[in-house]
Amino acid sequence: AAAAILSAQPRKPFVCLTGPSGSGKTTTAMRLQAYLENLGVKVCLLSMDNFFLPLSERPKDLTDWESPLCVNRELLLDTIDRLSNGETVQVPWYDFPNNRTGGYTPMQGSREAVIIAEGIHMLNPLLFDPIRDRATGIYVAPRTRIITPGDRIIHPEQVRVARRMIRDYQGRGHSLRQTVERAESVDRGERNYIMPNKPNAGIHIDTFHDYEPCILARYLKEIPEFYTQLDDAFIDEHGLTDLFEVVNSVPPLKTDYVPRDSIVREFVGGSIFQY
């Protein structure tokens, strides 16, 4: 991916990186930044999440919070342009608990910089089309299928649910049930707004690790509510029976040998990156 980005310079100074929730977008973007900076390339990294419109400024008839209309698209595109022109830009950060812009942080641009913007809607035509001729599209997601001992297939979206259960419990205060129940809305948003735009990506990255189910199994089982909240009836109702067959059958592994910059660390902790 880094080689493709470099080979496109200076014709395509922008990188639009996307993937569904729990795909490892943020770590992928940060690893690309670190790789390029190690080669002497200046990188400006933006997160689309910081450009959400405050709740009070969203369209009054908008009830779908997975929609790209929740994003301040004009501000995001203007920020990308100004950074590439070498300007110093005030980049917003979003206060999610209060659903408002929490403040601004200065970022210095450069005419030689690669501008990486990551977020679930970065390949949506509303954001991608205005800069398509100057951007490289990257799509990241776990793609590998897992086959259970009973020859059932675990699809990648179930792996992402397991990732999010751990991450959201540790870092966002969500219960395991809340994450599973919200998955239906998240999946609907992915089908409507993310999957249709995969063809806009010239680069696809599979973020699954072969040992990952063993890591996820360990961290899930260490959550005190694992056995009380995720009973058989609940997981069957939400179509996760096959996933939990794997969780309960693989040997649990510690993260001692997982690299500190691994995508797995985005979900279980211990990363060198700040999220």
C-alpha atoms as a PDB file:
ATOM      1  CA  ALA A   1       0.000   0.000   0.000  1.00  0.00           C
ATOM      2  CA  ALA A   2       2.793   2.412   0.906  1.00  0.00           C
ATOM      3  CA  ALA A   3       4.603   1.621  -2.352  1.00  0.00           C
ATOM      4  CA  ALA A   4       1.443   2.315  -4.363  1.00  0.00           C
ATOM      5  CA  ILE A   5       0.924   5.630  -2.539  1.00  0.00           C
ATOM      6  CA  LEU A   6       4.513   6.693  -3.182  1.00  0.00           C
ATOM      7  CA  SER A   7       4.395   5.706  -6.852  1.00  0.00           C
ATOM      8  CA  ALA A   8       1.331   7.941  -7.310  1.00  0.00           C
ATOM      9  CA  GLN A   9       3.081  11.075  -6.018  1.00  0.00           C
ATOM     10  CA  PRO A  10       2.707  13.959  -6.651  1.00  0.00           C
ATOM     11  CA  ARG A  11      -0.291  13.251  -8.875  1.00  0.00           C
ATOM     12  CA  LYS A  12      -2.322  11.734  -6.026  1.00  0.00           C
ATOM     13  CA  PRO A  13      -1.383  13.348  -2.705  1.00  0.00           C
ATOM     14  CA  PHE A  14      -4.553  12.139  -0.942  1.00  0.00           C
ATOM     15  CA  VAL A  15      -5.325   8.733   0.562  1.00  0.00           C
ATOM     16  CA  CYS A  16      -8.935   7.854   1.385  1.00  0.00           C
ATOM     17  CA  LEU A  17      -8.970   4.832   3.676  1.00  0.00           C
ATOM     18  CA  THR A  18     -12.174   3.104   4.681  1.00  0.00           C
ATOM     19  CA  GLY A  19     -13.656  -0.120   5.968  1.00  0.00           C
ATOM     20  CA  PRO A  20     -16.549  -1.255   8.141  1.00  0.00           C
ATOM     21  CA  SER A  21     -16.634  -0.833  11.915  1.00  0.00           C
ATOM     22  CA  GLY A  22     -14.087  -3.077  13.615  1.00  0.00           C
ATOM     23  CA  SER A  23     -11.948  -3.475  10.502  1.00  0.00           C
ATOM     24  CA  GLY A  24      -8.759  -1.866  11.838  1.00  0.00           C
ATOM     25  CA  LYS A  25      -8.925   1.382   9.852  1.00  0.00           C
ATOM     26  CA  THR A  26      -7.233   3.521  12.473  1.00  0.00           C
ATOM     27  CA  THR A  27      -4.264   1.213  13.011  1.00  0.00           C
ATOM     28  CA  THR A  28      -3.829   0.729   9.272  1.00  0.00           C
ATOM     29  CA  ALA A  29      -3.766   4.500   8.754  1.00  0.00           C
ATOM     30  CA  MET A  30      -1.267   4.991  11.585  1.00  0.00           C
ATOM     31  CA  ARG A  31       0.984   2.211  10.306  1.00  0.00           C
ATOM     32  CA  LEU A  32       0.930   3.734   6.831  1.00  0.00           C
ATOM     33  CA  GLN A  33       1.820   7.093   8.369  1.00  0.00           C
ATOM     34  CA  ALA A  34       4.730   5.572  10.324  1.00  0.00           C
ATOM     35  CA  TYR A  35       5.992   3.676   7.282  1.00  0.00           C
ATOM     36  CA  LEU A  36       5.899   6.718   5.013  1.00  0.00           C
ATOM     37  CA  GLU A  37       7.445   9.023   7.609  1.00  0.00           C
ATOM     38  CA  ASN A  38      10.276   6.515   8.062  1.00  0.00           C
ATOM     39  CA  LEU A  39      10.982   7.047   4.361  1.00  0.00           C
ATOM     40  CA  GLY A  40      11.122  10.806   4.878  1.00  0.00           C
ATOM     41  CA  VAL A  41       7.615  11.616   3.620  1.00  0.00           C
ATOM     42  CA  LYS A  42       5.551  14.159   5.555  1.00  0.00           C
ATOM     43  CA  VAL A  43       2.108  12.771   6.391  1.00  0.00           C
ATOM     44  CA  CYS A  44      -0.991  14.579   7.656  1.00  0.00           C
ATOM     45  CA  LEU A  45      -3.455  12.111   9.187  1.00  0.00           C
ATOM     46  CA  LEU A  46      -7.130  12.992   9.581  1.00  0.00           C
ATOM     47  CA  SER A  47      -9.951  11.013  11.161  1.00  0.00           C
ATOM     48  CA  MET A  48     -13.376  11.495   9.613  1.00  0.00           C
ATOM     49  CA  ASP A  49     -14.897  10.850  13.048  1.00  0.00           C
ATOM     50  CA  ASN A  50     -13.706  14.273  14.187  1.00  0.00           C
ATOM     51  CA  PHE A  51     -15.715  15.914  11.416  1.00  0.00           C
ATOM     52  CA  PHE A  52     -19.143  14.712  12.519  1.00  0.00           C
ATOM     53  CA  LEU A  53     -21.712  17.472  12.630  1.00  0.00           C
ATOM     54  CA  PRO A  54     -22.852  18.395  16.142  1.00  0.00           C
ATOM     55  CA  LEU A  55     -26.253  16.900  16.869  1.00  0.00           C
ATOM     56  CA  SER A  56     -27.840  20.353  16.768  1.00  0.00           C
ATOM     57  CA  GLU A  57     -26.557  20.978  13.215  1.00  0.00           C
ATOM     58  CA  ARG A  58     -27.633  17.721  11.572  1.00  0.00           C
ATOM     59  CA  PRO A  59     -30.611  17.706   9.196  1.00  0.00           C
ATOM     60  CA  LYS A  60     -33.800  17.739  11.262  1.00  0.00           C
ATOM     61  CA  ASP A  61     -35.338  14.795   9.382  1.00  0.00           C
ATOM     62  CA  LEU A  62     -32.179  12.658   9.612  1.00  0.00           C
ATOM     63  CA  THR A  63     -32.601   9.685  11.953  1.00  0.00           C
ATOM     64  CA  ASP A  64     -29.967   7.344  10.485  1.00  0.00           C
ATOM     65  CA  TRP A  65     -26.746   8.070  12.390  1.00  0.00           C
ATOM     66  CA  GLU A  66     -24.793   5.779  10.051  1.00  0.00           C
ATOM     67  CA  SER A  67     -25.485   8.166   7.132  1.00  0.00           C
ATOM     68  CA  PRO A  68     -22.698  10.237   5.502  1.00  0.00           C
ATOM     69  CA  LEU A  69     -25.023  13.228   5.932  1.00  0.00           C
ATOM     70  CA  CYS A  70     -23.889  13.244   9.583  1.00  0.00           C
ATOM     71  CA  VAL A  71     -20.437  14.367   8.435  1.00  0.00           C
ATOM     72  CA  ASN A  72     -19.380  17.972   7.847  1.00  0.00           C
ATOM     73  CA  ARG A  73     -18.204  17.091   4.361  1.00  0.00           C
ATOM     74  CA  GLU A  74     -17.426  20.647   3.259  1.00  0.00           C
ATOM     75  CA  LEU A  75     -15.147  21.232   6.244  1.00  0.00           C
ATOM     76  CA  LEU A  76     -13.361  17.901   5.798  1.00  0.00           C
ATOM     77  CA  LEU A  77     -12.689  18.447   2.087  1.00  0.00           C
ATOM     78  CA  ASP A  78     -11.602  22.039   2.735  1.00  0.00           C
ATOM     79  CA  THR A  79      -9.215  20.847   5.448  1.00  0.00           C
ATOM     80  CA  ILE A  80      -7.673  18.282   3.094  1.00  0.00           C
ATOM     81  CA  ASP A  81      -7.180  20.910   0.388  1.00  0.00           C
ATOM     82  CA  ARG A  82      -5.699  23.501   2.705  1.00  0.00           C
ATOM     83  CA  LEU A  83      -3.241  21.023   4.211  1.00  0.00           C
ATOM     84  CA  SER A  84      -2.064  20.056   0.719  1.00  0.00           C
ATOM     85  CA  ASN A  85      -1.530  23.751  -0.019  1.00  0.00           C
ATOM     86  CA  GLY A  86       0.850  24.012   2.926  1.00  0.00           C
ATOM     87  CA  GLU A  87      -1.457  25.908   5.256  1.00  0.00           C
ATOM     88  CA  THR A  88      -1.774  25.521   9.011  1.00  0.00           C
ATOM     89  CA  VAL A  89      -5.285  24.241   9.688  1.00  0.00           C
ATOM     90  CA  GLN A  90      -7.366  24.040  12.857  1.00  0.00           C
ATOM     91  CA  VAL A  91      -8.514  20.403  12.897  1.00  0.00           C
ATOM     92  CA  PRO A  92     -11.606  19.682  15.022  1.00  0.00           C
ATOM     93  CA  TRP A  93     -11.919  16.898  17.556  1.00  0.00           C
ATOM     94  CA  TYR A  94     -15.332  15.484  18.326  1.00  0.00           C
ATOM     95  CA  ASP A  95     -16.776  15.142  21.822  1.00  0.00           C
ATOM     96  CA  PHE A  96     -18.836  11.955  21.394  1.00  0.00           C
ATOM     97  CA  PRO A  97     -20.362  11.806  24.898  1.00  0.00           C
ATOM     98  CA  ASN A  98     -21.890  15.267  24.338  1.00  0.00           C
ATOM     99  CA  ASN A  99     -22.376  14.981  20.540  1.00  0.00           C
ATOM    100  CA  ARG A 100     -20.600  18.208  19.696  1.00  0.00           C
ATOM    101  CA  THR A 101     -17.282  19.545  18.436  1.00  0.00           C
ATOM    102  CA  GLY A 102     -15.049  19.645  21.497  1.00  0.00           C
ATOM    103  CA  GLY A 103     -12.296  21.913  20.204  1.00  0.00           C
ATOM    104  CA  TYR A 104      -9.566  22.318  17.612  1.00  0.00           C
ATOM    105  CA  THR A 105      -5.930  21.275  17.207  1.00  0.00           C
ATOM    106  CA  PRO A 106      -3.518  23.002  14.770  1.00  0.00           C
ATOM    107  CA  MET A 107      -1.952  20.894  12.023  1.00  0.00           C
ATOM    108  CA  GLN A 108       0.739  22.133   9.648  1.00  0.00           C
ATOM    109  CA  GLY A 109       0.299  21.101   6.022  1.00  0.00           C
ATOM    110  CA  SER A 110       2.814  20.862   3.190  1.00  0.00           C
ATOM    111  CA  ARG A 111       2.703  20.854  -0.603  1.00  0.00           C
ATOM    112  CA  GLU A 112       4.829  17.682  -0.487  1.00  0.00           C
ATOM    113  CA  ALA A 113       2.711  15.922   2.136  1.00  0.00           C
ATOM    114  CA  VAL A 114       0.581  12.820   1.777  1.00  0.00           C
ATOM    115  CA  ILE A 115      -2.817  13.530   3.335  1.00  0.00           C
ATOM    116  CA  ILE A 116      -4.399  10.370   4.779  1.00  0.00           C
ATOM    117  CA  ALA A 117      -8.084  10.617   5.719  1.00  0.00           C
ATOM    118  CA  GLU A 118      -9.641   7.559   7.355  1.00  0.00           C
ATOM    119  CA  GLY A 119     -13.269   6.875   8.178  1.00  0.00           C
ATOM    120  CA  ILE A 120     -16.273   4.771   7.226  1.00  0.00           C
ATOM    121  CA  HIS A 121     -17.463   7.187   4.520  1.00  0.00           C
ATOM    122  CA  MET A 122     -14.173   8.167   2.873  1.00  0.00           C
ATOM    123  CA  LEU A 123     -14.997   6.236  -0.337  1.00  0.00           C
ATOM    124  CA  ASN A 124     -18.595   7.471  -0.436  1.00  0.00           C
ATOM    125  CA  PRO A 125     -19.127   9.559  -3.600  1.00  0.00           C
ATOM    126  CA  LEU A 126     -20.180  12.544  -1.474  1.00  0.00           C
ATOM    127  CA  LEU A 127     -16.616  12.708  -0.133  1.00  0.00           C
ATOM    128  CA  PHE A 128     -14.588  10.774  -2.689  1.00  0.00           C
ATOM    129  CA  ASP A 129     -15.856  12.169  -5.985  1.00  0.00           C
ATOM    130  CA  PRO A 130     -14.612  15.765  -5.432  1.00  0.00           C
ATOM    131  CA  ILE A 131     -11.036  14.475  -4.947  1.00  0.00           C
ATOM    132  CA  ARG A 132     -11.166  11.198  -6.904  1.00  0.00           C
ATOM    133  CA  ASP A 133      -8.568  12.293  -9.486  1.00  0.00           C
ATOM    134  CA  ARG A 134      -6.100  13.148  -6.717  1.00  0.00           C
ATOM    135  CA  ALA A 135      -6.751  10.267  -4.309  1.00  0.00           C
ATOM    136  CA  THR A 136      -5.796   6.640  -3.738  1.00  0.00           C
ATOM    137  CA  GLY A 137      -8.644   4.584  -2.270  1.00  0.00           C
ATOM    138  CA  ILE A 138      -7.884   1.871   0.293  1.00  0.00           C
ATOM    139  CA  TYR A 139     -10.405  -0.603   1.698  1.00  0.00           C
ATOM    140  CA  VAL A 140      -9.522  -2.568   4.824  1.00  0.00           C
ATOM    141  CA  ALA A 141     -11.494  -5.363   6.490  1.00  0.00           C
ATOM    142  CA  PRO A 142     -11.014  -8.919   7.717  1.00  0.00           C
ATOM    143  CA  ARG A 143     -11.749 -11.089   4.681  1.00  0.00           C
ATOM    144  CA  THR A 144     -10.678 -14.580   5.776  1.00  0.00           C
ATOM    145  CA  ARG A 145     -13.418 -17.106   6.545  1.00  0.00           C
ATOM    146  CA  ILE A 146     -13.106 -19.416   9.547  1.00  0.00           C
ATOM    147  CA  ILE A 147     -14.454 -22.972   9.326  1.00  0.00           C
ATOM    148  CA  THR A 148     -15.785 -24.444  12.573  1.00  0.00           C
ATOM    149  CA  PRO A 149     -15.208 -28.066  13.666  1.00  0.00           C
ATOM    150  CA  GLY A 150     -18.763 -28.680  12.407  1.00  0.00           C
ATOM    151  CA  ASP A 151     -17.921 -27.276   8.944  1.00  0.00           C
ATOM    152  CA  ARG A 152     -19.842 -24.050   9.534  1.00  0.00           C
ATOM    153  CA  ILE A 153     -18.404 -20.820   8.112  1.00  0.00           C
ATOM    154  CA  ILE A 154     -17.702 -17.826  10.353  1.00  0.00           C
ATOM    155  CA  HIS A 155     -18.008 -14.724   8.189  1.00  0.00           C
ATOM    156  CA  PRO A 156     -15.766 -11.696   8.731  1.00  0.00           C
ATOM    157  CA  GLU A 157     -18.587  -9.531  10.093  1.00  0.00           C
ATOM    158  CA  GLN A 158     -18.811 -11.904  13.078  1.00  0.00           C
ATOM    159  CA  VAL A 159     -15.087 -11.505  13.724  1.00  0.00           C
ATOM    160  CA  ARG A 160     -15.625  -7.745  13.726  1.00  0.00           C
ATOM    161  CA  VAL A 161     -18.419  -8.106  16.294  1.00  0.00           C
ATOM    162  CA  ALA A 162     -16.025 -10.025  18.566  1.00  0.00           C
ATOM    163  CA  ARG A 163     -13.393  -7.315  18.110  1.00  0.00           C
ATOM    164  CA  ARG A 164     -15.884  -4.568  18.931  1.00  0.00           C
ATOM    165  CA  MET A 165     -17.226  -6.363  22.010  1.00  0.00           C
ATOM    166  CA  ILE A 166     -13.765  -6.287  23.578  1.00  0.00           C
ATOM    167  CA  ARG A 167     -12.838  -2.783  22.410  1.00  0.00           C
ATOM    168  CA  ASP A 168     -16.147  -1.194  23.363  1.00  0.00           C
ATOM    169  CA  TYR A 169     -16.183  -2.889  26.765  1.00  0.00           C
ATOM    170  CA  GLN A 170     -12.637  -1.794  27.595  1.00  0.00           C
ATOM    171  CA  GLY A 171     -12.595   1.676  26.091  1.00  0.00           C
ATOM    172  CA  ARG A 172     -16.161   2.897  25.673  1.00  0.00           C
ATOM    173  CA  GLY A 173     -18.001   1.447  28.636  1.00  0.00           C
ATOM    174  CA  HIS A 174     -20.452  -0.568  26.518  1.00  0.00           C
ATOM    175  CA  SER A 175     -21.791  -3.865  27.794  1.00  0.00           C
ATOM    176  CA  LEU A 176     -21.350  -6.960  25.639  1.00  0.00           C
ATOM    177  CA  ARG A 177     -25.085  -7.051  24.971  1.00  0.00           C
ATOM    178  CA  GLN A 178     -25.145  -3.390  23.907  1.00  0.00           C
ATOM    179  CA  THR A 179     -22.453  -4.021  21.292  1.00  0.00           C
ATOM    180  CA  VAL A 180     -24.217  -7.111  19.923  1.00  0.00           C
ATOM    181  CA  GLU A 181     -27.608  -5.369  19.809  1.00  0.00           C
ATOM    182  CA  ARG A 182     -26.161  -2.316  18.076  1.00  0.00           C
ATOM    183  CA  ALA A 183     -24.506  -4.566  15.487  1.00  0.00           C
ATOM    184  CA  GLU A 184     -27.757  -4.806  13.527  1.00  0.00           C
ATOM    185  CA  SER A 185     -27.842  -1.033  12.979  1.00  0.00           C
ATOM    186  CA  VAL A 186     -24.117  -0.966  12.206  1.00  0.00           C
ATOM    187  CA  ASP A 187     -24.491  -3.818   9.689  1.00  0.00           C
ATOM    188  CA  ARG A 188     -27.376  -2.023   7.989  1.00  0.00           C
ATOM    189  CA  GLY A 189     -25.267   1.127   7.651  1.00  0.00           C
ATOM    190  CA  GLU A 190     -22.411  -0.910   6.179  1.00  0.00           C
ATOM    191  CA  ARG A 191     -24.701  -2.491   3.572  1.00  0.00           C
ATOM    192  CA  ASN A 192     -26.143   0.907   2.621  1.00  0.00           C
ATOM    193  CA  TYR A 193     -23.110   3.188   2.749  1.00  0.00           C
ATOM    194  CA  ILE A 194     -19.823   1.264   2.835  1.00  0.00           C
ATOM    195  CA  MET A 195     -20.012  -1.986   0.844  1.00  0.00           C
ATOM    196  CA  PRO A 196     -21.385  -0.346  -2.346  1.00  0.00           C
ATOM    197  CA  ASN A 197     -18.305   1.888  -2.498  1.00  0.00           C
ATOM    198  CA  LYS A 198     -15.664  -0.844  -2.343  1.00  0.00           C
ATOM    199  CA  PRO A 199     -15.015  -0.501  -6.119  1.00  0.00           C
ATOM    200  CA  ASN A 200     -13.603   2.976  -5.417  1.00  0.00           C
ATOM    201  CA  ALA A 201     -10.628   1.329  -3.685  1.00  0.00           C
ATOM    202  CA  GLY A 202      -7.560   0.462  -5.704  1.00  0.00           C
ATOM    203  CA  ILE A 203      -5.977  -1.286  -2.720  1.00  0.00           C
ATOM    204  CA  HIS A 204      -7.638  -3.946  -0.530  1.00  0.00           C
ATOM    205  CA  ILE A 205      -6.111  -5.155   2.742  1.00  0.00           C
ATOM    206  CA  ASP A 206      -7.254  -8.234   4.671  1.00  0.00           C
ATOM    207  CA  THR A 207      -6.788  -7.334   8.352  1.00  0.00           C
ATOM    208  CA  PHE A 208      -7.432 -10.832   9.751  1.00  0.00           C
ATOM    209  CA  HIS A 209      -4.660 -12.665  11.622  1.00  0.00           C
ATOM    210  CA  ASP A 210      -4.637 -16.473  11.726  1.00  0.00           C
ATOM    211  CA  TYR A 211      -4.006 -16.518  15.488  1.00  0.00           C
ATOM    212  CA  GLU A 212      -6.590 -13.813  16.183  1.00  0.00           C
ATOM    213  CA  PRO A 213      -9.509 -16.060  17.294  1.00  0.00           C
ATOM    214  CA  CYS A 214      -7.299 -17.405  20.093  1.00  0.00           C
ATOM    215  CA  ILE A 215      -6.517 -13.859  21.290  1.00  0.00           C
ATOM    216  CA  LEU A 216     -10.160 -12.732  21.056  1.00  0.00           C
ATOM    217  CA  ALA A 217     -11.333 -15.855  22.899  1.00  0.00           C
ATOM    218  CA  ARG A 218      -9.030 -15.128  25.817  1.00  0.00           C
ATOM    219  CA  TYR A 219     -10.078 -11.491  26.174  1.00  0.00           C
ATOM    220  CA  LEU A 220     -13.780 -12.228  25.801  1.00  0.00           C
ATOM    221  CA  LYS A 221     -13.690 -14.893  28.491  1.00  0.00           C
ATOM    222  CA  GLU A 222     -11.841 -12.574  30.870  1.00  0.00           C
ATOM    223  CA  ILE A 223     -14.754 -10.107  30.802  1.00  0.00           C
ATOM    224  CA  PRO A 224     -16.765 -10.801  33.996  1.00  0.00           C
ATOM    225  CA  GLU A 225     -20.138 -10.545  32.204  1.00  0.00           C
ATOM    226  CA  PHE A 226     -19.169 -12.962  29.418  1.00  0.00           C
ATOM    227  CA  TYR A 227     -21.052 -15.964  30.796  1.00  0.00           C
ATOM    228  CA  THR A 228     -23.998 -14.095  32.312  1.00  0.00           C
ATOM    229  CA  GLN A 229     -24.814 -11.726  29.422  1.00  0.00           C
ATOM    230  CA  LEU A 230     -24.064 -14.003  26.491  1.00  0.00           C
ATOM    231  CA  ASP A 231     -26.257 -16.987  27.227  1.00  0.00           C
ATOM    232  CA  ASP A 232     -27.110 -19.548  24.542  1.00  0.00           C
ATOM    233  CA  ALA A 233     -30.546 -18.063  23.804  1.00  0.00           C
ATOM    234  CA  PHE A 234     -29.133 -14.561  23.307  1.00  0.00           C
ATOM    235  CA  ILE A 235     -26.294 -15.558  20.997  1.00  0.00           C
ATOM    236  CA  ASP A 236     -28.615 -17.795  18.972  1.00  0.00           C
ATOM    237  CA  GLU A 237     -31.108 -14.926  18.609  1.00  0.00           C
ATOM    238  CA  HIS A 238     -28.358 -12.731  17.175  1.00  0.00           C
ATOM    239  CA  GLY A 239     -26.842 -15.356  14.889  1.00  0.00           C
ATOM    240  CA  LEU A 240     -23.575 -15.758  16.784  1.00  0.00           C
ATOM    241  CA  THR A 241     -23.807 -19.445  17.749  1.00  0.00           C
ATOM    242  CA  ASP A 242     -21.123 -20.545  15.268  1.00  0.00           C
ATOM    243  CA  LEU A 243     -18.788 -17.735  16.342  1.00  0.00           C
ATOM    244  CA  PHE A 244     -19.058 -18.776  19.978  1.00  0.00           C
ATOM    245  CA  GLU A 245     -18.417 -22.390  19.029  1.00  0.00           C
ATOM    246  CA  VAL A 246     -15.039 -21.185  17.815  1.00  0.00           C
ATOM    247  CA  VAL A 247     -14.500 -18.940  20.852  1.00  0.00           C
ATOM    248  CA  ASN A 248     -15.157 -21.894  23.150  1.00  0.00           C
ATOM    249  CA  SER A 249     -13.070 -24.397  21.195  1.00  0.00           C
ATOM    250  CA  VAL A 250      -9.793 -22.612  20.366  1.00  0.00           C
ATOM    251  CA  PRO A 251      -6.918 -22.425  22.868  1.00  0.00           C
ATOM    252  CA  PRO A 252      -6.822 -18.962  24.491  1.00  0.00           C
ATOM    253  CA  LEU A 253      -3.544 -17.126  23.864  1.00  0.00           C
ATOM    254  CA  LYS A 254      -1.837 -14.256  25.643  1.00  0.00           C
ATOM    255  CA  THR A 255      -0.647 -11.238  23.651  1.00  0.00           C
ATOM    256  CA  ASP A 256       3.016 -11.513  24.721  1.00  0.00           C
ATOM    257  CA  TYR A 257       4.206 -12.097  21.163  1.00  0.00           C
ATOM    258  CA  VAL A 258       1.701  -9.835  19.386  1.00  0.00           C
ATOM    259  CA  PRO A 259       3.560  -6.819  17.951  1.00  0.00           C
ATOM    260  CA  ARG A 260       2.780  -3.545  19.695  1.00  0.00           C
ATOM    261  CA  ASP A 261       1.728  -1.987  16.376  1.00  0.00           C
ATOM    262  CA  SER A 262      -0.539  -4.895  15.378  1.00  0.00           C
ATOM    263  CA  ILE A 263      -4.122  -4.279  14.308  1.00  0.00           C
ATOM    264  CA  VAL A 264      -5.117  -6.815  16.983  1.00  0.00           C
ATOM    265  CA  ARG A 265      -3.891  -4.303  19.595  1.00  0.00           C
ATOM    266  CA  GLU A 266      -6.518  -1.794  18.455  1.00  0.00           C
ATOM    267  CA  PHE A 267      -9.131  -4.071  19.997  1.00  0.00           C
ATOM    268  CA  VAL A 268      -7.455  -5.785  22.959  1.00  0.00           C
ATOM    269  CA  GLY A 269      -5.115  -3.002  24.097  1.00  0.00           C
ATOM    270  CA  GLY A 270      -1.383  -2.568  24.572  1.00  0.00           C
ATOM    271  CA  SER A 271      -0.771  -0.689  21.295  1.00  0.00           C
ATOM    272  CA  ILE A 272       1.967   1.854  20.747  1.00  0.00           C
ATOM    273  CA  PHE A 273      -0.652   3.999  19.027  1.00  0.00           C
ATOM    274  CA  GLN A 274      -3.020   6.385  20.778  1.00  0.00           C
ATOM    275  CA  TYR A 275      -6.650   5.940  19.724  1.00  0.00           C
END
